[in-house]
Amino acid sequence: MSYLSKISLKPEIRQSSQLALLIADNQYGMHRLLWDLFPNRDGQTRDFLFREERDNEQGGQSAQPVYYLLSPELPQQDSPLFHVQSKSYEPQLKSGDRLQFRLRVNPVISRRIEGAKRSAVHDVVMDAQQRCLAQLCSAAGLPAGQSKADKLNALRTLPAGALQPVIQQCLPDSDAVTLSAALDWAVRQAQIEWLAGSRAERCGYTIDQPDALKISGYRWHSLPQKGRKAGFSALDYEGILTVTDPELFLKTLNQGIGKARAFGCGLMLVRPIR
């Protein structure tokens, strides 16, 4: 059995705007504060998932952080910082169940480095843009260069009207006619594939109507405590899925999806379709 908890700042903490701001804007510190809700687990590996959302109050005048936390142990209920509401989490699943879901993930993929024995991790958005630009440059007979800027500059040397046929050749399923639209299409296809492709089978679900997925909130989160360039990207999905393997899917719910789970990614919130 697991526990799903809704955690919000206590009113006295909210009223101390400086403290509330420090808590809400620090992903690394937030993880440590949530870890303190399990005082008897010092030195053990993190085994909980959490997600931050914003609750609008006063008719939408303000947005307060609210955290959903899934853990195998009951978190401390008398925190000096948080109001904690917990309930047991034992979803009864069967094959064919259709569920609405919300999911925040760190969308990265691994690609083998040519001539090396290891793989490199790439952000799925940046990777899709680079691959799309390289494909367009190759089809147009242009030198691609190494960076995204190199490829963009090369494509911008094409005479007026020459880019659209190249886009149609490389992205025949797209209706894009501009470079910006082509990149947007390539990125969305990569984002859909990230969640609805082979990962879905490994995690015990299929995505209903992948093209109808709502995908938003892509942003970079810096982690200065871990290094000057440290951080992670995050992306939000909303949609409908069908459970194909209940045991595997329950394991997915409890263990999370993707990386950066220590920083608020990977927790899938689900509810039955009424």
Protein backbone atom coordinates (compact mmCIF):
# COMPACT_ATOMS: atom_id res chain seq x y z
CA MET A 1 0.00 0.00 0.00
CA SER A 2 1.12 3.56 -0.72
CA TYR A 3 -0.07 6.97 0.43
CA LEU A 4 -1.11 9.94 -1.67
CA SER A 5 -0.78 13.22 0.17
CA LYS A 6 -1.82 16.77 -0.61
CA ILE A 7 0.62 19.18 0.99
CA SER A 8 0.24 22.96 1.24
CA LEU A 9 2.05 25.69 3.11
CA LYS A 10 0.53 26.62 6.45
CA PRO A 11 -1.17 30.04 6.52
CA GLU A 12 1.53 31.56 8.73
CA ILE A 13 4.19 30.47 6.22
CA ARG A 14 2.18 31.85 3.31
CA GLN A 15 1.93 35.20 5.10
CA SER A 16 5.70 35.34 5.36
CA SER A 17 6.02 36.11 1.65
CA GLN A 18 9.81 35.96 1.65
CA LEU A 19 9.91 32.47 3.16
CA ALA A 20 7.07 31.23 0.94
CA LEU A 21 8.90 32.51 -2.14
CA LEU A 22 12.14 30.79 -1.13
CA ILE A 23 10.29 27.51 -0.69
CA ALA A 24 8.24 27.74 -3.89
CA ASP A 25 11.12 28.69 -6.20
CA ASN A 26 13.70 26.14 -5.03
CA GLN A 27 13.25 22.68 -6.53
CA TYR A 28 16.31 21.26 -4.77
CA GLY A 29 15.32 22.71 -1.41
CA MET A 30 11.72 21.56 -1.88
CA HIS A 31 12.86 17.99 -2.24
CA ARG A 32 14.81 18.25 1.00
CA LEU A 33 11.87 19.78 2.87
CA LEU A 34 9.56 17.00 1.67
CA TRP A 35 12.17 14.43 2.68
CA ASP A 36 11.96 15.88 6.22
CA LEU A 37 8.37 14.60 6.36
CA PHE A 38 9.96 11.14 6.78
CA PRO A 39 12.18 11.71 9.85
CA ASN A 40 13.01 8.04 10.40
CA ARG A 41 14.57 7.49 6.98
CA ASP A 42 17.88 9.36 7.26
CA GLY A 43 20.48 8.07 4.84
CA GLN A 44 18.04 5.96 2.85
CA THR A 45 17.34 6.30 -0.86
CA ARG A 46 14.45 8.56 -1.89
CA ASP A 47 11.39 6.45 -2.63
CA PHE A 48 8.67 9.09 -2.99
CA LEU A 49 7.38 11.07 -5.95
CA PHE A 50 5.98 14.57 -5.87
CA ARG A 51 4.48 17.19 -8.14
CA GLU A 52 3.91 20.89 -7.65
CA GLU A 53 0.70 22.55 -8.75
CA ARG A 54 -0.82 25.93 -8.09
CA ASP A 55 -4.14 26.46 -6.31
CA ASN A 56 -5.87 29.70 -7.23
CA GLU A 57 -7.40 31.54 -4.34
CA GLN A 58 -9.42 34.73 -3.93
CA GLY A 59 -11.06 34.39 -7.30
CA GLY A 60 -7.80 33.78 -9.10
CA GLN A 61 -6.00 36.71 -7.47
CA SER A 62 -3.15 34.56 -6.18
CA ALA A 63 -1.68 31.15 -6.89
CA GLN A 64 -0.35 29.14 -3.95
CA PRO A 65 1.90 26.10 -4.34
CA VAL A 66 0.34 22.73 -3.58
CA TYR A 67 2.32 19.49 -3.64
CA TYR A 68 1.03 15.99 -4.35
CA LEU A 69 3.27 13.33 -2.86
CA LEU A 70 3.13 9.57 -3.41
CA SER A 71 5.06 7.52 -0.88
CA PRO A 72 5.22 3.95 0.45
CA GLU A 73 5.18 5.34 4.01
CA LEU A 74 2.82 7.78 5.68
CA PRO A 75 4.46 11.22 5.86
CA GLN A 76 4.62 13.16 9.11
CA GLN A 77 1.25 14.84 9.68
CA ASP A 78 2.36 17.58 12.12
CA SER A 79 4.92 19.46 10.02
CA PRO A 80 5.84 23.00 11.16
CA LEU A 81 5.77 24.16 7.53
CA PHE A 82 3.04 22.19 5.82
CA HIS A 83 -0.59 21.21 6.15
CA VAL A 84 -0.60 17.51 5.22
CA GLN A 85 -3.66 15.51 4.10
CA SER A 86 -2.93 11.84 3.38
CA LYS A 87 -4.99 8.90 2.24
CA SER A 88 -4.17 5.33 1.32
CA TYR A 89 -3.46 4.76 -2.35
CA GLU A 90 -4.51 1.36 -3.67
CA PRO A 91 -5.96 1.83 -7.17
CA GLN A 92 -7.92 -1.21 -8.34
CA LEU A 93 -6.95 -1.60 -11.97
CA LYS A 94 -7.90 -4.01 -14.69
CA SER A 95 -6.94 -4.34 -18.32
CA GLY A 96 -9.00 -2.03 -20.50
CA ASP A 97 -9.55 0.65 -17.85
CA ARG A 98 -9.51 4.14 -19.37
CA LEU A 99 -8.04 6.90 -17.21
CA GLN A 100 -7.52 10.61 -17.49
CA PHE A 101 -3.99 11.55 -16.50
CA ARG A 102 -1.69 14.45 -15.75
CA LEU A 103 2.05 13.98 -15.86
CA ARG A 104 5.12 16.18 -15.51
CA VAL A 105 8.30 14.63 -16.84
CA ASN A 106 11.93 15.34 -17.59
CA PRO A 107 11.81 14.49 -21.33
CA VAL A 108 15.22 13.09 -22.19
CA ILE A 109 16.36 10.32 -24.52
CA SER A 110 19.58 8.36 -24.87
CA ARG A 111 21.44 8.11 -28.15
CA ARG A 112 24.51 6.04 -28.88
CA ILE A 113 27.63 8.13 -29.53
CA GLU A 114 29.21 7.07 -32.82
CA GLY A 115 32.42 5.15 -32.18
CA ALA A 116 31.86 5.07 -28.41
CA LYS A 117 30.66 2.41 -26.00
CA ARG A 118 28.31 4.74 -24.17
CA SER A 119 25.17 6.72 -24.90
CA ALA A 120 24.58 10.43 -24.46
CA VAL A 121 21.45 11.88 -22.87
CA HIS A 122 19.62 14.55 -24.88
CA ASP A 123 16.66 16.77 -24.13
CA VAL A 124 13.89 15.54 -26.45
CA VAL A 125 12.96 19.06 -27.61
CA MET A 126 16.53 20.11 -28.41
CA ASP A 127 17.22 16.74 -30.02
CA ALA A 128 14.14 16.99 -32.26
CA GLN A 129 15.10 20.49 -33.38
CA GLN A 130 18.68 19.46 -34.16
CA ARG A 131 17.62 16.36 -36.08
CA CYS A 132 14.98 18.27 -38.06
CA LEU A 133 17.44 21.02 -38.98
CA ALA A 134 20.10 18.49 -39.99
CA GLN A 135 17.58 16.65 -42.19
CA LEU A 136 16.49 19.88 -43.87
CA CYS A 137 20.09 20.98 -44.46
CA SER A 138 21.00 17.60 -45.94
CA ALA A 139 17.99 17.62 -48.29
CA ALA A 140 18.85 21.16 -49.41
CA GLY A 141 22.51 20.28 -49.98
CA LEU A 142 23.67 22.79 -47.36
CA PRO A 143 26.57 22.50 -44.90
CA ALA A 144 24.95 21.85 -41.56
CA GLY A 145 27.65 22.75 -39.04
CA GLN A 146 27.56 21.55 -35.46
CA SER A 147 25.27 23.94 -33.63
CA LYS A 148 21.60 24.77 -33.98
CA ALA A 149 22.58 28.32 -34.96
CA ASP A 150 24.85 26.97 -37.75
CA LYS A 151 21.99 24.97 -39.23
CA LEU A 152 19.50 27.83 -38.96
CA ASN A 153 21.92 30.24 -40.64
CA ALA A 154 22.56 27.76 -43.46
CA LEU A 155 18.83 27.31 -44.14
CA ARG A 156 18.29 31.06 -44.13
CA THR A 157 20.61 31.36 -47.12
CA LEU A 158 18.06 29.57 -49.31
CA PRO A 159 16.36 31.83 -51.85
CA ALA A 160 12.70 32.74 -51.37
CA GLY A 161 10.39 29.84 -52.14
CA ALA A 162 13.12 27.20 -51.95
CA LEU A 163 12.51 26.11 -48.36
CA GLN A 164 8.90 24.91 -48.67
CA PRO A 165 9.68 22.05 -51.12
CA VAL A 166 12.50 20.92 -48.81
CA ILE A 167 10.13 20.86 -45.85
CA GLN A 168 7.56 18.88 -47.82
CA GLN A 169 10.24 16.41 -48.88
CA CYS A 170 11.56 15.85 -45.34
CA LEU A 171 8.27 16.10 -43.42
CA PRO A 172 5.64 14.71 -45.81
CA ASP A 173 3.08 14.22 -43.01
CA SER A 174 3.33 17.85 -41.95
CA ASP A 175 1.46 20.82 -43.40
CA ALA A 176 4.25 23.19 -42.33
CA VAL A 177 5.36 25.77 -44.87
CA THR A 178 7.77 27.79 -42.70
CA LEU A 179 10.92 26.80 -40.84
CA SER A 180 9.35 27.68 -37.49
CA ALA A 181 6.28 25.54 -38.20
CA ALA A 182 8.48 22.65 -39.34
CA LEU A 183 10.44 22.75 -36.09
CA ASP A 184 7.25 22.95 -34.02
CA TRP A 185 5.83 19.92 -35.85
CA ALA A 186 9.02 17.90 -35.40
CA VAL A 187 9.16 18.73 -31.70
CA ARG A 188 5.53 17.76 -31.10
CA GLN A 189 5.99 14.43 -32.89
CA ALA A 190 9.04 13.70 -30.72
CA GLN A 191 7.13 14.64 -27.58
CA ILE A 192 4.25 12.33 -28.51
CA GLU A 193 6.64 9.49 -29.30
CA TRP A 194 8.41 9.97 -25.96
CA LEU A 195 5.25 9.10 -24.03
CA ALA A 196 3.18 7.05 -26.47
CA GLY A 197 5.92 4.99 -28.14
CA SER A 198 7.84 2.01 -26.75
CA ARG A 199 7.78 3.51 -23.25
CA ALA A 200 4.00 2.97 -23.12
CA GLU A 201 4.34 -0.78 -23.67
CA ARG A 202 7.06 -1.03 -21.02
CA CYS A 203 4.88 0.85 -18.54
CA GLY A 204 1.61 -1.04 -19.09
CA TYR A 205 -0.55 1.46 -20.96
CA THR A 206 -1.45 2.83 -24.36
CA ILE A 207 -2.28 6.45 -25.11
CA ASP A 208 -5.74 7.04 -26.56
CA GLN A 209 -5.52 9.39 -29.54
CA PRO A 210 -1.85 10.42 -29.19
CA ASP A 211 -2.37 13.37 -31.54
CA ALA A 212 -4.90 14.79 -29.05
CA LEU A 213 -2.42 14.90 -26.17
CA LYS A 214 -2.17 18.28 -24.44
CA ILE A 215 1.52 19.10 -24.13
CA SER A 216 2.62 22.29 -22.41
CA GLY A 217 4.82 23.93 -19.80
CA TYR A 218 8.21 23.16 -21.34
CA ARG A 219 10.85 25.00 -19.32
CA TRP A 220 14.33 24.75 -17.86
CA HIS A 221 14.79 24.52 -14.08
CA SER A 222 18.21 25.54 -12.78
CA LEU A 223 19.81 23.72 -9.84
CA PRO A 224 22.62 26.08 -8.80
CA GLN A 225 23.25 24.05 -5.64
CA LYS A 226 24.47 21.18 -7.84
CA GLY A 227 26.63 23.24 -10.22
CA ARG A 228 26.66 26.38 -12.33
CA LYS A 229 25.10 24.67 -15.36
CA ALA A 230 23.10 22.04 -13.50
CA GLY A 231 19.39 21.74 -14.06
CA PHE A 232 16.67 19.85 -15.90
CA SER A 233 13.88 20.49 -18.37
CA ALA A 234 10.27 19.64 -17.59
CA LEU A 235 7.18 19.12 -19.71
CA ASP A 236 3.49 18.57 -18.86
CA TYR A 237 1.21 16.01 -20.50
CA GLU A 238 -2.55 15.62 -20.18
CA GLY A 239 -4.66 13.03 -21.93
CA ILE A 240 -6.43 9.69 -21.77
CA LEU A 241 -4.78 6.28 -21.52
CA THR A 242 -5.90 2.67 -21.48
CA VAL A 243 -4.39 0.20 -19.03
CA THR A 244 -2.96 -2.83 -20.87
CA ASP A 245 -1.07 -4.50 -18.00
CA PRO A 246 -2.52 -3.61 -14.56
CA GLU A 247 0.41 -4.99 -12.54
CA LEU A 248 2.98 -3.22 -14.68
CA PHE A 249 1.00 0.03 -14.72
CA LEU A 250 0.61 0.03 -10.93
CA LYS A 251 4.38 -0.37 -10.66
CA THR A 252 4.74 2.59 -13.04
CA LEU A 253 2.45 4.74 -10.89
CA ASN A 254 4.46 3.98 -7.77
CA GLN A 255 7.94 4.26 -9.29
CA GLY A 256 7.31 7.17 -11.65
CA ILE A 257 8.20 7.84 -15.27
CA GLY A 258 11.44 9.24 -16.60
CA LYS A 259 14.28 11.03 -14.83
CA ALA A 260 14.52 13.98 -12.39
CA ARG A 261 12.03 12.28 -10.10
CA ALA A 262 13.80 13.81 -7.09
CA PHE A 263 12.86 17.25 -8.41
CA GLY A 264 9.14 16.93 -8.97
CA CYS A 265 8.96 14.90 -12.19
CA GLY A 266 7.54 11.46 -12.92
CA LEU A 267 4.37 11.37 -10.79
CA MET A 268 1.35 10.45 -12.92
CA LEU A 269 -1.96 11.53 -11.41
CA VAL A 270 -4.88 9.48 -12.75
CA ARG A 271 -8.64 9.29 -12.35
CA PRO A 272 -11.29 7.09 -13.97
CA ILE A 273 -13.34 8.46 -16.83
CA ARG A 274 -16.89 8.75 -15.56
